[in-house]
Amino acid sequence: MSRLRLVIFDVDGTLIDSQTHIIGAMRRAFDSAGRICPDDERIRSIVGLSLPEAMAELDPDCDPHALAEAYRASFVAVREAGQEDVLSPLYPGARAALDLLSQDAACLLGVATGKSRRGLTRVFEAHSLGDYFITSQVADDHPSKPHPSMIEAALRETGAAPEDTVIVGDTSFDMDMGRAAGVRRIGVSWGYHPAERLRGAGAEHVLPGFGDLAAALDEIWSER
């Protein structure tokens, strides 16, 4: 009988390209709060953190909870001005990779994201993704990444062992979370943190495209 395997995906910057949506919402949030908005590169650097932690990083003198609320309101306004699947499209190859992995009965899929449950549900609905994932961990229920709580909950829910689990993400926060939870780590080069930062945080592979995911997973599984 095959051992159970678990692949946990980050969402923003890994499965979906939400940069336009996030940056637009962040600018509106800072403007509405009368604060100076950081530049785009600085905003991209905090994607993956839960909102209060992200705001404290961007503006240490702000009220992070008030600014987080302003961002939530602005995010909804930006979203309602367009369509979720247009503002935050899937990265090329993402669905094909999920389809391939879901064909393996011994491979379970999960999500660990800094999004709220409401935000993740909207992404799932916009892209018809919900059926792929057996476990989904969100910022509402856990400390911010890189705390390992999200992965630990996914392990409990699925029964997978840490050594049989891989986190796939685009930020050093994902890699640090994976190391803290004792799971394997794959970085992706198309998201918000550069490859060298991912490797420095412990990424065992950094993928140039989703087409390389299956081979990287096969290499990791063969080492068990």
N, C-alpha and C. Protein backbone atom coordinates (compact mmCIF):
# COMPACT_ATOMS: atom_id res chain seq x y z
N MET A 1 0.84 -1.20 0.00
CA MET A 1 0.00 0.00 0.00
C MET A 1 0.88 1.25 0.00
N SER A 2 0.57 2.23 -0.86
CA SER A 2 1.37 3.45 -0.96
C SER A 2 1.21 4.30 0.28
N ARG A 3 2.32 4.91 0.70
CA ARG A 3 2.25 5.84 1.82
C ARG A 3 1.53 7.11 1.40
N LEU A 4 0.78 7.66 2.34
CA LEU A 4 0.04 8.89 2.09
C LEU A 4 0.99 10.05 1.93
N ARG A 5 0.77 10.86 0.89
CA ARG A 5 1.59 12.04 0.65
C ARG A 5 0.69 13.27 0.64
N LEU A 6 1.23 14.37 1.10
CA LEU A 6 0.46 15.62 1.17
C LEU A 6 1.27 16.74 0.54
N VAL A 7 0.66 17.44 -0.41
CA VAL A 7 1.27 18.62 -1.03
C VAL A 7 0.41 19.82 -0.66
N ILE A 8 1.02 20.78 0.05
CA ILE A 8 0.32 21.97 0.52
C ILE A 8 0.78 23.16 -0.32
N PHE A 9 -0.17 23.88 -0.90
CA PHE A 9 0.14 25.03 -1.73
C PHE A 9 -0.18 26.34 -1.02
N ASP A 10 0.72 27.30 -1.15
CA ASP A 10 0.38 28.68 -0.89
C ASP A 10 -0.55 29.13 -2.03
N VAL A 11 -1.20 30.28 -1.88
CA VAL A 11 -2.15 30.75 -2.90
C VAL A 11 -1.60 31.96 -3.66
N ASP A 12 -1.53 33.14 -3.00
CA ASP A 12 -1.07 34.35 -3.67
C ASP A 12 0.40 34.21 -4.07
N GLY A 13 0.68 34.38 -5.36
CA GLY A 13 2.04 34.28 -5.85
C GLY A 13 2.48 32.87 -6.17
N THR A 14 1.63 31.89 -5.84
CA THR A 14 1.96 30.50 -6.14
C THR A 14 0.94 29.91 -7.10
N LEU A 15 -0.33 29.92 -6.71
CA LEU A 15 -1.39 29.44 -7.60
C LEU A 15 -1.99 30.56 -8.43
N ILE A 16 -2.16 31.73 -7.82
CA ILE A 16 -2.78 32.84 -8.55
C ILE A 16 -1.86 34.06 -8.56
N ASP A 17 -1.93 34.80 -9.65
CA ASP A 17 -1.16 36.03 -9.80
C ASP A 17 -2.04 37.19 -9.36
N SER A 18 -1.99 37.50 -8.08
CA SER A 18 -2.88 38.50 -7.48
C SER A 18 -2.19 39.85 -7.29
N GLN A 19 -1.05 40.03 -7.92
CA GLN A 19 -0.26 41.24 -7.69
C GLN A 19 -1.04 42.52 -8.00
N THR A 20 -1.71 42.56 -9.14
CA THR A 20 -2.46 43.76 -9.52
C THR A 20 -3.53 44.08 -8.48
N HIS A 21 -4.23 43.06 -8.04
CA HIS A 21 -5.31 43.21 -7.07
C HIS A 21 -4.76 43.69 -5.73
N ILE A 22 -3.71 43.04 -5.26
CA ILE A 22 -3.14 43.37 -3.94
C ILE A 22 -2.58 44.78 -3.92
N ILE A 23 -1.78 45.14 -4.93
CA ILE A 23 -1.16 46.45 -4.94
C ILE A 23 -2.21 47.55 -5.08
N GLY A 24 -3.21 47.35 -5.94
CA GLY A 24 -4.28 48.34 -6.08
C GLY A 24 -5.04 48.54 -4.78
N ALA A 25 -5.35 47.43 -4.10
CA ALA A 25 -6.06 47.53 -2.83
C ALA A 25 -5.20 48.18 -1.76
N MET A 26 -3.91 47.90 -1.76
CA MET A 26 -3.02 48.48 -0.76
C MET A 26 -2.92 49.99 -0.93
N ARG A 27 -2.82 50.44 -2.17
CA ARG A 27 -2.75 51.89 -2.41
C ARG A 27 -4.01 52.59 -1.91
N ARG A 28 -5.16 52.00 -2.19
CA ARG A 28 -6.41 52.60 -1.73
C ARG A 28 -6.49 52.61 -0.21
N ALA A 29 -6.03 51.54 0.42
CA ALA A 29 -6.08 51.46 1.88
C ALA A 29 -5.23 52.54 2.52
N PHE A 30 -4.00 52.70 2.04
CA PHE A 30 -3.12 53.72 2.61
C PHE A 30 -3.66 55.12 2.35
N ASP A 31 -4.20 55.34 1.15
CA ASP A 31 -4.77 56.65 0.85
C ASP A 31 -5.94 56.97 1.77
N SER A 32 -6.81 55.98 1.99
CA SER A 32 -7.98 56.21 2.83
C SER A 32 -7.60 56.47 4.28
N ALA A 33 -6.45 55.92 4.71
CA ALA A 33 -5.99 56.11 6.09
C ALA A 33 -5.08 57.33 6.23
N GLY A 34 -4.82 58.01 5.10
CA GLY A 34 -3.96 59.18 5.15
C GLY A 34 -2.51 58.85 5.39
N ARG A 35 -2.08 57.64 4.98
CA ARG A 35 -0.71 57.20 5.16
C ARG A 35 0.00 57.17 3.80
N ILE A 36 1.32 57.24 3.82
CA ILE A 36 2.10 57.16 2.59
C ILE A 36 2.28 55.69 2.22
N CYS A 37 1.84 55.32 1.03
CA CYS A 37 1.90 53.92 0.62
C CYS A 37 3.33 53.55 0.20
N PRO A 38 3.83 52.42 0.67
CA PRO A 38 5.15 51.95 0.21
C PRO A 38 5.13 51.65 -1.28
N ASP A 39 6.32 51.49 -1.87
CA ASP A 39 6.38 51.20 -3.29
C ASP A 39 5.99 49.74 -3.56
N ASP A 40 5.81 49.44 -4.84
CA ASP A 40 5.30 48.12 -5.22
C ASP A 40 6.21 46.99 -4.74
N GLU A 41 7.51 47.20 -4.84
CA GLU A 41 8.44 46.15 -4.43
C GLU A 41 8.29 45.85 -2.94
N ARG A 42 8.13 46.89 -2.14
CA ARG A 42 7.95 46.70 -0.70
C ARG A 42 6.64 45.96 -0.41
N ILE A 43 5.59 46.31 -1.13
CA ILE A 43 4.31 45.61 -0.95
C ILE A 43 4.45 44.14 -1.30
N ARG A 44 5.10 43.84 -2.41
CA ARG A 44 5.28 42.44 -2.82
C ARG A 44 6.06 41.65 -1.77
N SER A 45 6.95 42.32 -1.06
CA SER A 45 7.81 41.60 -0.11
C SER A 45 7.05 41.05 1.08
N ILE A 46 5.86 41.62 1.39
CA ILE A 46 5.14 41.17 2.58
C ILE A 46 3.96 40.25 2.25
N VAL A 47 3.74 39.99 0.95
CA VAL A 47 2.66 39.09 0.58
C VAL A 47 2.93 37.71 1.18
N GLY A 48 1.91 37.16 1.82
CA GLY A 48 2.06 35.87 2.51
C GLY A 48 1.89 36.00 4.01
N LEU A 49 2.22 37.17 4.55
CA LEU A 49 1.97 37.41 5.97
C LEU A 49 0.49 37.68 6.19
N SER A 50 0.01 37.41 7.40
CA SER A 50 -1.34 37.81 7.75
C SER A 50 -1.40 39.34 7.80
N LEU A 51 -2.60 39.90 7.60
CA LEU A 51 -2.72 41.34 7.37
C LEU A 51 -2.13 42.23 8.47
N PRO A 52 -2.46 42.04 9.75
CA PRO A 52 -1.88 42.94 10.75
C PRO A 52 -0.35 42.90 10.76
N GLU A 53 0.22 41.72 10.60
CA GLU A 53 1.68 41.60 10.57
C GLU A 53 2.24 42.30 9.33
N ALA A 54 1.56 42.14 8.20
CA ALA A 54 2.01 42.79 6.97
C ALA A 54 1.98 44.30 7.11
N MET A 55 0.90 44.84 7.69
CA MET A 55 0.79 46.30 7.85
C MET A 55 1.84 46.84 8.80
N ALA A 56 2.12 46.11 9.85
CA ALA A 56 3.15 46.55 10.80
C ALA A 56 4.52 46.58 10.13
N GLU A 57 4.76 45.64 9.22
CA GLU A 57 6.02 45.63 8.47
C GLU A 57 6.10 46.82 7.52
N LEU A 58 4.99 47.12 6.86
CA LEU A 58 4.99 48.19 5.86
C LEU A 58 5.04 49.58 6.49
N ASP A 59 4.38 49.73 7.64
CA ASP A 59 4.27 51.05 8.27
C ASP A 59 4.32 50.86 9.79
N PRO A 60 5.53 50.81 10.36
CA PRO A 60 5.68 50.53 11.80
C PRO A 60 4.95 51.51 12.71
N ASP A 61 4.63 52.70 12.22
CA ASP A 61 3.97 53.71 13.06
C ASP A 61 2.45 53.68 12.94
N CYS A 62 1.91 52.78 12.14
CA CYS A 62 0.46 52.75 11.94
C CYS A 62 -0.23 51.92 13.01
N ASP A 63 -1.55 52.00 13.04
CA ASP A 63 -2.37 51.05 13.78
C ASP A 63 -2.59 49.88 12.83
N PRO A 64 -1.91 48.77 13.01
CA PRO A 64 -1.95 47.70 12.00
C PRO A 64 -3.34 47.11 11.81
N HIS A 65 -4.13 47.06 12.86
CA HIS A 65 -5.47 46.48 12.74
C HIS A 65 -6.41 47.42 11.97
N ALA A 66 -6.30 48.72 12.22
CA ALA A 66 -7.12 49.68 11.49
C ALA A 66 -6.74 49.69 10.01
N LEU A 67 -5.43 49.64 9.73
CA LEU A 67 -4.99 49.65 8.34
C LEU A 67 -5.37 48.34 7.65
N ALA A 68 -5.36 47.24 8.40
CA ALA A 68 -5.81 45.96 7.84
C ALA A 68 -7.28 46.02 7.46
N GLU A 69 -8.09 46.66 8.29
CA GLU A 69 -9.51 46.80 7.96
C GLU A 69 -9.70 47.67 6.72
N ALA A 70 -8.91 48.73 6.62
CA ALA A 70 -8.98 49.58 5.43
C ALA A 70 -8.60 48.80 4.18
N TYR A 71 -7.61 47.93 4.32
CA TYR A 71 -7.21 47.10 3.18
C TYR A 71 -8.32 46.13 2.79
N ARG A 72 -8.95 45.51 3.77
CA ARG A 72 -10.03 44.57 3.45
C ARG A 72 -11.15 45.28 2.67
N ALA A 73 -11.51 46.47 3.13
CA ALA A 73 -12.56 47.22 2.44
C ALA A 73 -12.14 47.61 1.04
N SER A 74 -10.87 48.01 0.91
CA SER A 74 -10.37 48.41 -0.40
C SER A 74 -10.22 47.22 -1.33
N PHE A 75 -9.88 46.07 -0.78
CA PHE A 75 -9.74 44.85 -1.58
C PHE A 75 -11.10 44.48 -2.20
N VAL A 76 -12.15 44.58 -1.38
CA VAL A 76 -13.50 44.28 -1.89
C VAL A 76 -13.87 45.28 -2.98
N ALA A 77 -13.56 46.57 -2.77
CA ALA A 77 -13.90 47.59 -3.77
C ALA A 77 -13.17 47.36 -5.08
N VAL A 78 -11.89 46.99 -5.00
CA VAL A 78 -11.12 46.70 -6.21
C VAL A 78 -11.69 45.47 -6.91
N ARG A 79 -12.02 44.46 -6.12
CA ARG A 79 -12.57 43.23 -6.70
C ARG A 79 -13.90 43.50 -7.39
N GLU A 80 -14.76 44.31 -6.76
CA GLU A 80 -16.07 44.56 -7.33
C GLU A 80 -16.01 45.44 -8.57
N ALA A 81 -14.86 46.10 -8.78
CA ALA A 81 -14.69 46.91 -9.98
C ALA A 81 -14.32 46.06 -11.19
N GLY A 82 -14.01 44.79 -10.97
CA GLY A 82 -13.64 43.88 -12.05
C GLY A 82 -14.11 42.49 -11.73
N GLN A 83 -13.40 41.50 -12.25
CA GLN A 83 -13.74 40.11 -12.01
C GLN A 83 -12.56 39.42 -11.34
N GLU A 84 -12.87 38.57 -10.36
CA GLU A 84 -11.81 37.91 -9.59
C GLU A 84 -10.86 37.14 -10.49
N ASP A 85 -11.40 36.41 -11.47
CA ASP A 85 -10.53 35.59 -12.31
C ASP A 85 -9.69 36.43 -13.26
N VAL A 86 -10.10 37.69 -13.51
CA VAL A 86 -9.30 38.58 -14.34
C VAL A 86 -8.25 39.29 -13.50
N LEU A 87 -8.65 39.77 -12.32
CA LEU A 87 -7.73 40.48 -11.44
C LEU A 87 -6.66 39.55 -10.87
N SER A 88 -7.02 38.31 -10.59
CA SER A 88 -6.10 37.35 -9.98
C SER A 88 -6.16 36.03 -10.74
N PRO A 89 -5.57 35.98 -11.94
CA PRO A 89 -5.65 34.76 -12.74
C PRO A 89 -4.76 33.66 -12.20
N LEU A 90 -5.08 32.43 -12.54
CA LEU A 90 -4.19 31.31 -12.25
C LEU A 90 -2.90 31.48 -13.04
N TYR A 91 -1.79 31.07 -12.44
CA TYR A 91 -0.54 31.05 -13.19
C TYR A 91 -0.59 29.96 -14.25
N PRO A 92 0.12 30.16 -15.36
CA PRO A 92 0.15 29.13 -16.40
C PRO A 92 0.60 27.78 -15.86
N GLY A 93 -0.15 26.75 -16.18
CA GLY A 93 0.21 25.40 -15.77
C GLY A 93 -0.32 24.99 -14.41
N ALA A 94 -0.92 25.93 -13.67
CA ALA A 94 -1.37 25.60 -12.31
C ALA A 94 -2.46 24.53 -12.32
N ARG A 95 -3.47 24.71 -13.15
CA ARG A 95 -4.56 23.74 -13.16
C ARG A 95 -4.09 22.37 -13.67
N ALA A 96 -3.24 22.37 -14.67
CA ALA A 96 -2.73 21.09 -15.19
C ALA A 96 -1.95 20.35 -14.11
N ALA A 97 -1.18 21.10 -13.31
CA ALA A 97 -0.42 20.46 -12.23
C ALA A 97 -1.35 19.89 -11.17
N LEU A 98 -2.39 20.63 -10.82
CA LEU A 98 -3.35 20.13 -9.84
C LEU A 98 -4.10 18.91 -10.37
N ASP A 99 -4.46 18.95 -11.65
CA ASP A 99 -5.13 17.80 -12.26
C ASP A 99 -4.25 16.56 -12.19
N LEU A 100 -2.99 16.72 -12.52
CA LEU A 100 -2.07 15.58 -12.51
C LEU A 100 -1.92 15.00 -11.11
N LEU A 101 -1.69 15.85 -10.13
CA LEU A 101 -1.51 15.36 -8.76
C LEU A 101 -2.77 14.72 -8.22
N SER A 102 -3.93 15.26 -8.57
CA SER A 102 -5.19 14.73 -8.03
C SER A 102 -5.53 13.35 -8.59
N GLN A 103 -4.86 12.94 -9.65
CA GLN A 103 -5.10 11.61 -10.21
C GLN A 103 -4.44 10.51 -9.38
N ASP A 104 -3.54 10.89 -8.49
CA ASP A 104 -2.83 9.94 -7.63
C ASP A 104 -3.60 9.80 -6.32
N ALA A 105 -4.20 8.64 -6.09
CA ALA A 105 -5.04 8.44 -4.91
C ALA A 105 -4.25 8.56 -3.61
N ALA A 106 -2.95 8.37 -3.66
CA ALA A 106 -2.12 8.44 -2.46
C ALA A 106 -1.61 9.85 -2.19
N CYS A 107 -1.94 10.79 -3.07
CA CYS A 107 -1.46 12.16 -2.94
C CYS A 107 -2.63 13.08 -2.60
N LEU A 108 -2.60 13.69 -1.43
CA LEU A 108 -3.61 14.64 -1.00
C LEU A 108 -3.10 16.06 -1.22
N LEU A 109 -4.02 16.97 -1.48
CA LEU A 109 -3.66 18.36 -1.74
C LEU A 109 -4.27 19.27 -0.68
N GLY A 110 -3.52 20.29 -0.30
CA GLY A 110 -4.00 21.24 0.69
C GLY A 110 -3.56 22.65 0.35
N VAL A 111 -4.06 23.61 1.11
CA VAL A 111 -3.74 25.02 0.95
C VAL A 111 -3.39 25.60 2.32
N ALA A 112 -2.37 26.45 2.34
CA ALA A 112 -2.03 27.22 3.54
C ALA A 112 -1.77 28.65 3.08
N THR A 113 -2.64 29.57 3.47
CA THR A 113 -2.60 30.92 2.91
C THR A 113 -2.81 32.00 3.96
N GLY A 114 -2.24 33.17 3.69
CA GLY A 114 -2.49 34.32 4.54
C GLY A 114 -3.83 34.97 4.27
N LYS A 115 -4.60 34.46 3.32
CA LYS A 115 -5.93 34.98 3.06
C LYS A 115 -6.89 34.62 4.19
N SER A 116 -7.98 35.36 4.24
CA SER A 116 -9.08 34.98 5.13
C SER A 116 -9.86 33.83 4.52
N ARG A 117 -10.72 33.21 5.31
CA ARG A 117 -11.58 32.15 4.77
C ARG A 117 -12.48 32.71 3.66
N ARG A 118 -13.00 33.90 3.87
CA ARG A 118 -13.86 34.51 2.85
C ARG A 118 -13.09 34.75 1.56
N GLY A 119 -11.86 35.25 1.69
CA GLY A 119 -11.06 35.51 0.51
C GLY A 119 -10.70 34.24 -0.23
N LEU A 120 -10.35 33.19 0.51
CA LEU A 120 -10.01 31.93 -0.14
C LEU A 120 -11.23 31.34 -0.83
N THR A 121 -12.38 31.43 -0.19
CA THR A 121 -13.62 30.91 -0.81
C THR A 121 -13.89 31.62 -2.14
N ARG A 122 -13.67 32.91 -2.20
CA ARG A 122 -13.89 33.65 -3.45
C ARG A 122 -12.92 33.18 -4.53
N VAL A 123 -11.68 32.92 -4.17
CA VAL A 123 -10.71 32.41 -5.15
C VAL A 123 -11.14 31.04 -5.64
N PHE A 124 -11.53 30.16 -4.71
CA PHE A 124 -11.99 28.83 -5.09
C PHE A 124 -13.18 28.92 -6.05
N GLU A 125 -14.12 29.80 -5.74
CA GLU A 125 -15.31 29.93 -6.58
C GLU A 125 -14.96 30.51 -7.96
N ALA A 126 -14.08 31.51 -7.98
CA ALA A 126 -13.73 32.16 -9.24
C ALA A 126 -13.03 31.22 -10.20
N HIS A 127 -12.24 30.29 -9.64
CA HIS A 127 -11.43 29.41 -10.48
C HIS A 127 -11.84 27.94 -10.40
N SER A 128 -12.93 27.65 -9.69
CA SER A 128 -13.40 26.27 -9.53
C SER A 128 -12.28 25.38 -9.00
N LEU A 129 -11.69 25.78 -7.88
CA LEU A 129 -10.55 25.07 -7.30
C LEU A 129 -10.89 24.23 -6.07
N GLY A 130 -12.04 24.48 -5.46
CA GLY A 130 -12.31 23.90 -4.15
C GLY A 130 -12.24 22.39 -4.10
N ASP A 131 -12.61 21.71 -5.17
CA ASP A 131 -12.66 20.25 -5.15
C ASP A 131 -11.28 19.60 -5.13
N TYR A 132 -10.24 20.37 -5.42
CA TYR A 132 -8.90 19.80 -5.43
C TYR A 132 -8.36 19.55 -4.02
N PHE A 133 -8.82 20.33 -3.04
CA PHE A 133 -8.11 20.41 -1.76
C PHE A 133 -8.90 19.75 -0.63
N ILE A 134 -8.22 18.88 0.09
CA ILE A 134 -8.86 18.17 1.20
C ILE A 134 -8.70 18.94 2.50
N THR A 135 -7.73 19.85 2.56
CA THR A 135 -7.52 20.67 3.75
C THR A 135 -7.14 22.08 3.31
N SER A 136 -7.70 23.08 3.99
CA SER A 136 -7.37 24.47 3.66
C SER A 136 -7.23 25.26 4.95
N GLN A 137 -6.07 25.85 5.13
CA GLN A 137 -5.75 26.60 6.35
C GLN A 137 -5.61 28.07 6.00
N VAL A 138 -6.27 28.94 6.79
CA VAL A 138 -6.34 30.37 6.48
C VAL A 138 -5.93 31.21 7.69
N ALA A 139 -5.73 32.50 7.43
CA ALA A 139 -5.24 33.41 8.47
C ALA A 139 -6.23 33.58 9.62
N ASP A 140 -7.53 33.36 9.37
CA ASP A 140 -8.52 33.51 10.43
C ASP A 140 -8.26 32.58 11.62
N ASP A 141 -7.64 31.45 11.35
CA ASP A 141 -7.56 30.39 12.35
C ASP A 141 -6.17 30.15 12.92
N HIS A 142 -5.17 30.90 12.46
CA HIS A 142 -3.79 30.59 12.82
C HIS A 142 -2.96 31.84 13.01
N PRO A 143 -1.83 31.72 13.73
CA PRO A 143 -0.84 32.80 13.71
C PRO A 143 -0.31 32.98 12.28
N SER A 144 0.24 34.15 12.03
CA SER A 144 0.79 34.42 10.70
C SER A 144 1.95 33.49 10.37
N LYS A 145 2.11 33.18 9.08
CA LYS A 145 3.36 32.57 8.65
C LYS A 145 4.50 33.46 9.11
N PRO A 146 5.65 32.91 9.47
CA PRO A 146 6.10 31.54 9.30
C PRO A 146 5.82 30.59 10.45
N HIS A 147 4.93 30.94 11.36
CA HIS A 147 4.55 30.00 12.41
C HIS A 147 4.05 28.71 11.75
N PRO A 148 4.39 27.55 12.29
CA PRO A 148 4.03 26.28 11.64
C PRO A 148 2.60 25.83 11.85
N SER A 149 1.78 26.62 12.53
CA SER A 149 0.43 26.18 12.91
C SER A 149 -0.40 25.69 11.72
N MET A 150 -0.33 26.37 10.58
CA MET A 150 -1.14 25.97 9.43
C MET A 150 -0.78 24.56 8.96
N ILE A 151 0.52 24.31 8.85
CA ILE A 151 0.95 22.98 8.40
C ILE A 151 0.63 21.93 9.44
N GLU A 152 0.82 22.24 10.69
CA GLU A 152 0.52 21.28 11.74
C GLU A 152 -0.95 20.89 11.72
N ALA A 153 -1.83 21.86 11.48
CA ALA A 153 -3.26 21.56 11.38
C ALA A 153 -3.56 20.69 10.17
N ALA A 154 -2.90 20.97 9.04
CA ALA A 154 -3.10 20.16 7.85
C ALA A 154 -2.65 18.73 8.07
N LEU A 155 -1.57 18.54 8.80
CA LEU A 155 -1.09 17.20 9.11
C LEU A 155 -2.10 16.46 9.98
N ARG A 156 -2.65 17.15 10.97
CA ARG A 156 -3.64 16.50 11.83
C ARG A 156 -4.89 16.12 11.04
N GLU A 157 -5.33 17.00 10.16
CA GLU A 157 -6.56 16.76 9.42
C GLU A 157 -6.42 15.60 8.42
N THR A 158 -5.25 15.45 7.85
CA THR A 158 -5.06 14.44 6.81
C THR A 158 -4.42 13.15 7.29
N GLY A 159 -3.72 13.21 8.40
CA GLY A 159 -3.00 12.03 8.88
C GLY A 159 -1.66 11.83 8.20
N ALA A 160 -1.23 12.77 7.37
CA ALA A 160 0.06 12.65 6.70
C ALA A 160 1.19 12.91 7.70
N ALA A 161 2.34 12.28 7.46
CA ALA A 161 3.52 12.49 8.29
C ALA A 161 4.32 13.67 7.76
N PRO A 162 5.04 14.38 8.61
CA PRO A 162 5.84 15.52 8.13
C PRO A 162 6.80 15.14 7.01
N GLU A 163 7.44 13.97 7.13
CA GLU A 163 8.40 13.57 6.10
C GLU A 163 7.76 13.23 4.77
N ASP A 164 6.44 13.08 4.75
CA ASP A 164 5.70 12.78 3.53
C ASP A 164 4.92 13.99 3.03
N THR A 165 5.29 15.16 3.54
CA THR A 165 4.55 16.39 3.23
C THR A 165 5.49 17.42 2.61
N VAL A 166 4.98 18.14 1.62
CA VAL A 166 5.74 19.18 0.93
C VAL A 166 4.92 20.47 0.92
N ILE A 167 5.57 21.59 1.23
CA ILE A 167 4.95 22.89 1.07
C ILE A 167 5.48 23.49 -0.22
N VAL A 168 4.60 24.02 -1.05
CA VAL A 168 4.97 24.68 -2.30
C VAL A 168 4.58 26.15 -2.18
N GLY A 169 5.57 27.05 -2.24
CA GLY A 169 5.26 28.45 -2.04
C GLY A 169 6.25 29.37 -2.71
N ASP A 170 5.91 30.65 -2.73
CA ASP A 170 6.73 31.63 -3.45
C ASP A 170 7.49 32.57 -2.54
N THR A 171 7.34 32.43 -1.22
CA THR A 171 7.99 33.36 -0.31
C THR A 171 8.85 32.64 0.73
N SER A 172 9.77 33.40 1.30
CA SER A 172 10.59 32.86 2.38
C SER A 172 9.73 32.50 3.59
N PHE A 173 8.57 33.17 3.75
CA PHE A 173 7.67 32.84 4.85
C PHE A 173 7.17 31.40 4.72
N ASP A 174 6.88 30.99 3.48
CA ASP A 174 6.44 29.61 3.24
C ASP A 174 7.55 28.62 3.57
N MET A 175 8.77 28.94 3.14
CA MET A 175 9.90 28.04 3.39
C MET A 175 10.22 27.96 4.88
N ASP A 176 10.20 29.11 5.56
CA ASP A 176 10.45 29.12 7.01
C ASP A 176 9.37 28.34 7.75
N MET A 177 8.12 28.49 7.31
CA MET A 177 7.02 27.73 7.91
C MET A 177 7.24 26.23 7.72
N GLY A 178 7.65 25.85 6.51
CA GLY A 178 7.90 24.44 6.25
C GLY A 178 9.02 23.87 7.11
N ARG A 179 10.11 24.62 7.25
CA ARG A 179 11.21 24.16 8.09
C ARG A 179 10.76 24.02 9.54
N ALA A 180 9.99 24.99 10.02
CA ALA A 180 9.52 24.94 11.41
C ALA A 180 8.62 23.75 11.66
N ALA A 181 7.88 23.32 10.63
CA ALA A 181 6.97 22.18 10.77
C ALA A 181 7.65 20.85 10.45
N GLY A 182 8.88 20.90 9.95
CA GLY A 182 9.61 19.68 9.64
C GLY A 182 9.18 19.00 8.37
N VAL A 183 8.67 19.79 7.38
CA VAL A 183 8.24 19.21 6.11
C VAL A 183 9.20 19.65 5.01
N ARG A 184 9.08 19.01 3.84
CA ARG A 184 9.93 19.32 2.70
C ARG A 184 9.43 20.60 2.03
N ARG A 185 10.32 21.24 1.22
CA ARG A 185 10.00 22.59 0.76
C ARG A 185 10.37 22.79 -0.71
N ILE A 186 9.41 23.28 -1.49
CA ILE A 186 9.63 23.63 -2.89
C ILE A 186 9.24 25.08 -3.10
N GLY A 187 10.16 25.87 -3.62
CA GLY A 187 9.87 27.25 -3.94
C GLY A 187 9.51 27.41 -5.41
N VAL A 188 8.79 28.47 -5.73
CA VAL A 188 8.46 28.77 -7.13
C VAL A 188 9.01 30.15 -7.47
N SER A 189 9.54 30.29 -8.69
CA SER A 189 10.27 31.49 -9.05
C SER A 189 9.40 32.61 -9.60
N TRP A 190 8.10 32.33 -9.80
CA TRP A 190 7.23 33.32 -10.47
C TRP A 190 6.45 34.20 -9.50
N GLY A 191 6.69 34.06 -8.21
CA GLY A 191 5.91 34.80 -7.22
C GLY A 191 6.58 36.05 -6.72
N TYR A 192 6.53 36.28 -5.40
CA TYR A 192 6.88 37.57 -4.83
C TYR A 192 8.28 37.67 -4.24
N HIS A 193 8.94 36.54 -3.98
CA HIS A 193 10.31 36.58 -3.47
C HIS A 193 11.25 35.94 -4.48
N PRO A 194 12.44 36.50 -4.66
CA PRO A 194 13.38 35.95 -5.64
C PRO A 194 13.93 34.59 -5.24
N ALA A 195 14.46 33.89 -6.24
CA ALA A 195 14.94 32.52 -6.02
C ALA A 195 16.00 32.45 -4.93
N GLU A 196 16.91 33.43 -4.91
CA GLU A 196 17.98 33.38 -3.91
C GLU A 196 17.44 33.51 -2.49
N ARG A 197 16.38 34.29 -2.32
CA ARG A 197 15.78 34.41 -0.98
C ARG A 197 15.09 33.10 -0.58
N LEU A 198 14.46 32.44 -1.55
CA LEU A 198 13.83 31.15 -1.28
C LEU A 198 14.87 30.11 -0.88
N ARG A 199 15.96 30.05 -1.62
CA ARG A 199 17.01 29.08 -1.30
C ARG A 199 17.62 29.38 0.07
N GLY A 200 17.80 30.67 0.36
CA GLY A 200 18.34 31.05 1.66
C GLY A 200 17.44 30.66 2.82
N ALA A 201 16.14 30.53 2.54
CA ALA A 201 15.17 30.14 3.57
C ALA A 201 14.96 28.62 3.61
N GLY A 202 15.69 27.89 2.78
CA GLY A 202 15.63 26.44 2.88
C GLY A 202 14.87 25.73 1.79
N ALA A 203 14.57 26.42 0.67
CA ALA A 203 13.90 25.73 -0.44
C ALA A 203 14.83 24.66 -1.00
N GLU A 204 14.31 23.44 -1.14
CA GLU A 204 15.11 22.35 -1.68
C GLU A 204 15.11 22.35 -3.20
N HIS A 205 14.08 22.89 -3.79
CA HIS A 205 13.98 23.11 -5.23
C HIS A 205 13.36 24.49 -5.42
N VAL A 206 13.73 25.18 -6.50
CA VAL A 206 13.05 26.40 -6.92
C VAL A 206 12.64 26.19 -8.37
N LEU A 207 11.34 26.14 -8.62
CA LEU A 207 10.83 25.76 -9.93
C LEU A 207 10.75 26.95 -10.88
N PRO A 208 11.16 26.75 -12.14
CA PRO A 208 10.96 27.80 -13.14
C PRO A 208 9.55 27.82 -13.71
N GLY A 209 8.80 26.72 -13.55
CA GLY A 209 7.43 26.65 -14.06
C GLY A 209 6.70 25.48 -13.44
N PHE A 210 5.37 25.50 -13.53
CA PHE A 210 4.58 24.42 -12.93
C PHE A 210 4.86 23.07 -13.59
N GLY A 211 5.34 23.09 -14.83
CA GLY A 211 5.66 21.85 -15.50
C GLY A 211 6.78 21.07 -14.84
N ASP A 212 7.53 21.73 -13.96
CA ASP A 212 8.65 21.07 -13.27
C ASP A 212 8.27 20.52 -11.91
N LEU A 213 7.02 20.73 -11.49
CA LEU A 213 6.62 20.32 -10.14
C LEU A 213 6.64 18.82 -9.97
N ALA A 214 6.09 18.07 -10.91
CA ALA A 214 5.99 16.61 -10.75
C ALA A 214 7.37 15.99 -10.58
N ALA A 215 8.34 16.43 -11.36
CA ALA A 215 9.69 15.86 -11.27
C ALA A 215 10.33 16.18 -9.92
N ALA A 216 10.12 17.41 -9.42
CA ALA A 216 10.68 17.78 -8.12
C ALA A 216 10.05 16.95 -7.00
N LEU A 217 8.74 16.73 -7.09
CA LEU A 217 8.08 15.90 -6.09
C LEU A 217 8.57 14.46 -6.17
N ASP A 218 8.72 13.93 -7.38
CA ASP A 218 9.21 12.55 -7.53
C ASP A 218 10.58 12.40 -6.90
N GLU A 219 11.44 13.42 -7.07
CA GLU A 219 12.77 13.36 -6.46
C GLU A 219 12.68 13.36 -4.95
N ILE A 220 11.80 14.18 -4.41
CA ILE A 220 11.64 14.22 -2.95
C ILE A 220 11.07 12.90 -2.44
N TRP A 221 10.03 12.39 -3.10
CA TRP A 221 9.42 11.14 -2.63
C TRP A 221 10.42 9.98 -2.70
N SER A 222 11.31 10.00 -3.69
CA SER A 222 12.25 8.90 -3.84
C SER A 222 13.28 8.87 -2.73
N GLU A 223 13.42 9.97 -1.98
CA GLU A 223 14.39 10.05 -0.89
C GLU A 223 13.84 9.54 0.42
N ARG A 224 12.55 9.20 0.47
CA ARG A 224 11.94 8.82 1.74
C ARG A 224 12.44 7.44 2.16
